[in-house]
Structure formats: structure tokens, C-alpha cells
């Protein structure tokens, strides 16, 4: 059971963003995000969007930096992955 972050690679709103996920449960993810001070508005169905400047704090709290492919692979294996098709409704 891990909290994972992938490298911040996605520019938006003048910042560069990455993703924070749990490979165990959404409850674990929300608990970690609350502890890290990440607002709930950053949650997008299966992950939180997090800005690059927060990465040091997240890793200090126990998040594990993994590449984007590993993050998606582990999220799928957990059964928590929400696909693009499912996001559109």
C-alpha cells in the first residue's frame, strides 16, 4: 500500500503539475492529501493534481516518486483507475 506521485510534467495555470494516487484505496489517498494540506478541489476521480513545488513536502510525508507508466500500472492493478471514457460519463 503506497501513496505515489509521478514527475510533474503537465503545465497549466502557470505551474507544472503531476499526480498523487494511492495503490490501495481512495480513503488512504484522501487521508494523505488532507495531512499534506492538499485541497479537495484538486481531486479528479482517482488522483489529486499537485504542483511541482509541493513534491518535496509530499515525499517527506512518505509519497513515493515513480515514473508515470508505473503510476498508471499500479493504479490500474488496484482497481481504482478511472479511464478517460469513464470521465466523460
C-alpha atoms as a PDB file:
ATOM      1  CA  UNK A   1       0.000   0.000   0.000  1.00  0.00           C
ATOM      2  CA  UNK A   2       1.617   3.197  -1.162  1.00  0.00           C
ATOM      3  CA  UNK A   3       0.958   6.797  -1.941  1.00  0.00           C
ATOM      4  CA  UNK A   4       2.592   7.538  -5.279  1.00  0.00           C
ATOM      5  CA  UNK A   5       3.497  10.676  -7.235  1.00  0.00           C
ATOM      6  CA  UNK A   6       4.679  10.841 -10.817  1.00  0.00           C
ATOM      7  CA  UNK A   7       7.018  13.517 -12.174  1.00  0.00           C
ATOM      8  CA  UNK A   8       5.400  16.923 -12.655  1.00  0.00           C
ATOM      9  CA  UNK A   9       5.200  17.225 -16.446  1.00  0.00           C
ATOM     10  CA  UNK A  10       1.882  18.930 -17.235  1.00  0.00           C
ATOM     11  CA  UNK A  11       1.851  22.748 -17.499  1.00  0.00           C
ATOM     12  CA  UNK A  12      -1.342  24.576 -16.555  1.00  0.00           C
ATOM     13  CA  UNK A  13      -2.197  27.866 -14.862  1.00  0.00           C
ATOM     14  CA  UNK A  14       1.439  28.973 -14.821  1.00  0.00           C
ATOM     15  CA  UNK A  15       2.597  25.885 -12.908  1.00  0.00           C
ATOM     16  CA  UNK A  16       3.726  22.366 -13.708  1.00  0.00           C
ATOM     17  CA  UNK A  17       1.586  19.566 -12.270  1.00  0.00           C
ATOM     18  CA  UNK A  18       1.799  15.860 -11.525  1.00  0.00           C
ATOM     19  CA  UNK A  19      -0.473  13.269  -9.957  1.00  0.00           C
ATOM     20  CA  UNK A  20      -0.867  11.877  -6.456  1.00  0.00           C
ATOM     21  CA  UNK A  21      -2.547   8.459  -6.149  1.00  0.00           C
ATOM     22  CA  UNK A  22      -2.990   5.545  -3.791  1.00  0.00           C
ATOM     23  CA  UNK A  23      -2.485   1.979  -4.939  1.00  0.00           C
ATOM     24  CA  UNK A  24      -4.730   0.780  -2.100  1.00  0.00           C
ATOM     25  CA  UNK A  25      -7.810   2.954  -1.541  1.00  0.00           C
ATOM     26  CA  UNK A  26      -9.353   6.356  -2.075  1.00  0.00           C
ATOM     27  CA  UNK A  27      -9.687   6.644   1.694  1.00  0.00           C
ATOM     28  CA  UNK A  28      -5.896   6.323   2.027  1.00  0.00           C
ATOM     29  CA  UNK A  29      -5.453   8.928  -0.721  1.00  0.00           C
ATOM     30  CA  UNK A  30      -7.853  11.442   0.844  1.00  0.00           C
ATOM     31  CA  UNK A  31      -6.305  10.958   4.292  1.00  0.00           C
ATOM     32  CA  UNK A  32      -2.832  11.597   2.911  1.00  0.00           C
ATOM     33  CA  UNK A  33      -3.986  14.628   0.909  1.00  0.00           C
ATOM     34  CA  UNK A  34      -5.650  16.123   3.989  1.00  0.00           C
ATOM     35  CA  UNK A  35      -2.487  15.557   6.036  1.00  0.00           C
ATOM     36  CA  UNK A  36      -0.447  17.228   3.261  1.00  0.00           C
ATOM     37  CA  UNK A  37      -2.812  20.211   3.070  1.00  0.00           C
ATOM     38  CA  UNK A  38      -3.923  19.476  -0.489  1.00  0.00           C
ATOM     39  CA  UNK A  39      -7.405  20.906  -1.087  1.00  0.00           C
ATOM     40  CA  UNK A  40     -10.200  18.555  -2.101  1.00  0.00           C
ATOM     41  CA  UNK A  41     -10.780  20.619  -5.259  1.00  0.00           C
ATOM     42  CA  UNK A  42      -7.529  19.049  -6.556  1.00  0.00           C
ATOM     43  CA  UNK A  43      -9.162  15.591  -6.623  1.00  0.00           C
ATOM     44  CA  UNK A  44     -10.087  14.203 -10.057  1.00  0.00           C
ATOM     45  CA  UNK A  45     -11.908  10.871  -9.530  1.00  0.00           C
ATOM     46  CA  UNK A  46      -8.782   8.731  -8.966  1.00  0.00           C
ATOM     47  CA  UNK A  47      -5.968  11.200  -8.290  1.00  0.00           C
ATOM     48  CA  UNK A  48      -5.047  14.612  -6.978  1.00  0.00           C
ATOM     49  CA  UNK A  49      -3.344  17.118  -9.243  1.00  0.00           C
ATOM     50  CA  UNK A  50      -0.362  18.535  -7.357  1.00  0.00           C
ATOM     51  CA  UNK A  51       2.026  21.333  -8.326  1.00  0.00           C
ATOM     52  CA  UNK A  52       5.754  20.675  -8.645  1.00  0.00           C
ATOM     53  CA  UNK A  53       6.595  22.928  -5.713  1.00  0.00           C
ATOM     54  CA  UNK A  54       4.761  20.560  -3.314  1.00  0.00           C
ATOM     55  CA  UNK A  55       6.799  17.465  -4.229  1.00  0.00           C
ATOM     56  CA  UNK A  56       9.419  17.880  -1.509  1.00  0.00           C
ATOM     57  CA  UNK A  57       6.679  18.038   1.135  1.00  0.00           C
ATOM     58  CA  UNK A  58       4.819  15.043  -0.310  1.00  0.00           C
ATOM     59  CA  UNK A  59       7.925  12.877  -0.412  1.00  0.00           C
ATOM     60  CA  UNK A  60       8.858  13.948   3.122  1.00  0.00           C
ATOM     61  CA  UNK A  61       5.399  12.757   4.232  1.00  0.00           C
ATOM     62  CA  UNK A  62       6.017   9.354   2.618  1.00  0.00           C
ATOM     63  CA  UNK A  63       4.849   9.603  -1.001  1.00  0.00           C
ATOM     64  CA  UNK A  64       6.970   7.559  -3.400  1.00  0.00           C
ATOM     65  CA  UNK A  65       8.131   9.113  -6.676  1.00  0.00           C
ATOM     66  CA  UNK A  66       7.558   6.725  -9.607  1.00  0.00           C
ATOM     67  CA  UNK A  67       7.502   7.243 -13.347  1.00  0.00           C
ATOM     68  CA  UNK A  68       4.156   7.935 -14.985  1.00  0.00           C
ATOM     69  CA  UNK A  69       3.879   4.475 -16.534  1.00  0.00           C
ATOM     70  CA  UNK A  70       4.413   2.768 -13.188  1.00  0.00           C
ATOM     71  CA  UNK A  71       1.881   5.060 -11.523  1.00  0.00           C
ATOM     72  CA  UNK A  72      -0.800   4.172 -14.102  1.00  0.00           C
ATOM     73  CA  UNK A  73       0.098   0.468 -13.980  1.00  0.00           C
ATOM     74  CA  UNK A  74      -0.219   0.385 -10.197  1.00  0.00           C
ATOM     75  CA  UNK A  75      -3.420   2.425 -10.248  1.00  0.00           C
ATOM     76  CA  UNK A  76      -4.968   0.004 -12.754  1.00  0.00           C
ATOM     77  CA  UNK A  77      -3.849  -3.014 -10.711  1.00  0.00           C
ATOM     78  CA  UNK A  78      -5.528  -1.501  -7.643  1.00  0.00           C
ATOM     79  CA  UNK A  79      -8.864  -1.267  -9.470  1.00  0.00           C
ATOM     80  CA  UNK A  80      -9.058   2.472  -8.728  1.00  0.00           C
ATOM     81  CA  UNK A  81      -8.181   3.762 -12.223  1.00  0.00           C
ATOM     82  CA  UNK A  82     -10.871   5.866 -13.890  1.00  0.00           C
ATOM     83  CA  UNK A  83     -10.496   5.796 -17.681  1.00  0.00           C
ATOM     84  CA  UNK A  84     -10.882   8.795 -19.979  1.00  0.00           C
ATOM     85  CA  UNK A  85     -14.092   7.255 -21.323  1.00  0.00           C
ATOM     86  CA  UNK A  86     -15.486   6.944 -17.790  1.00  0.00           C
ATOM     87  CA  UNK A  87     -14.535  10.560 -17.056  1.00  0.00           C
ATOM     88  CA  UNK A  88     -16.701  11.788 -19.939  1.00  0.00           C
ATOM     89  CA  UNK A  89     -19.681   9.974 -18.497  1.00  0.00           C
END
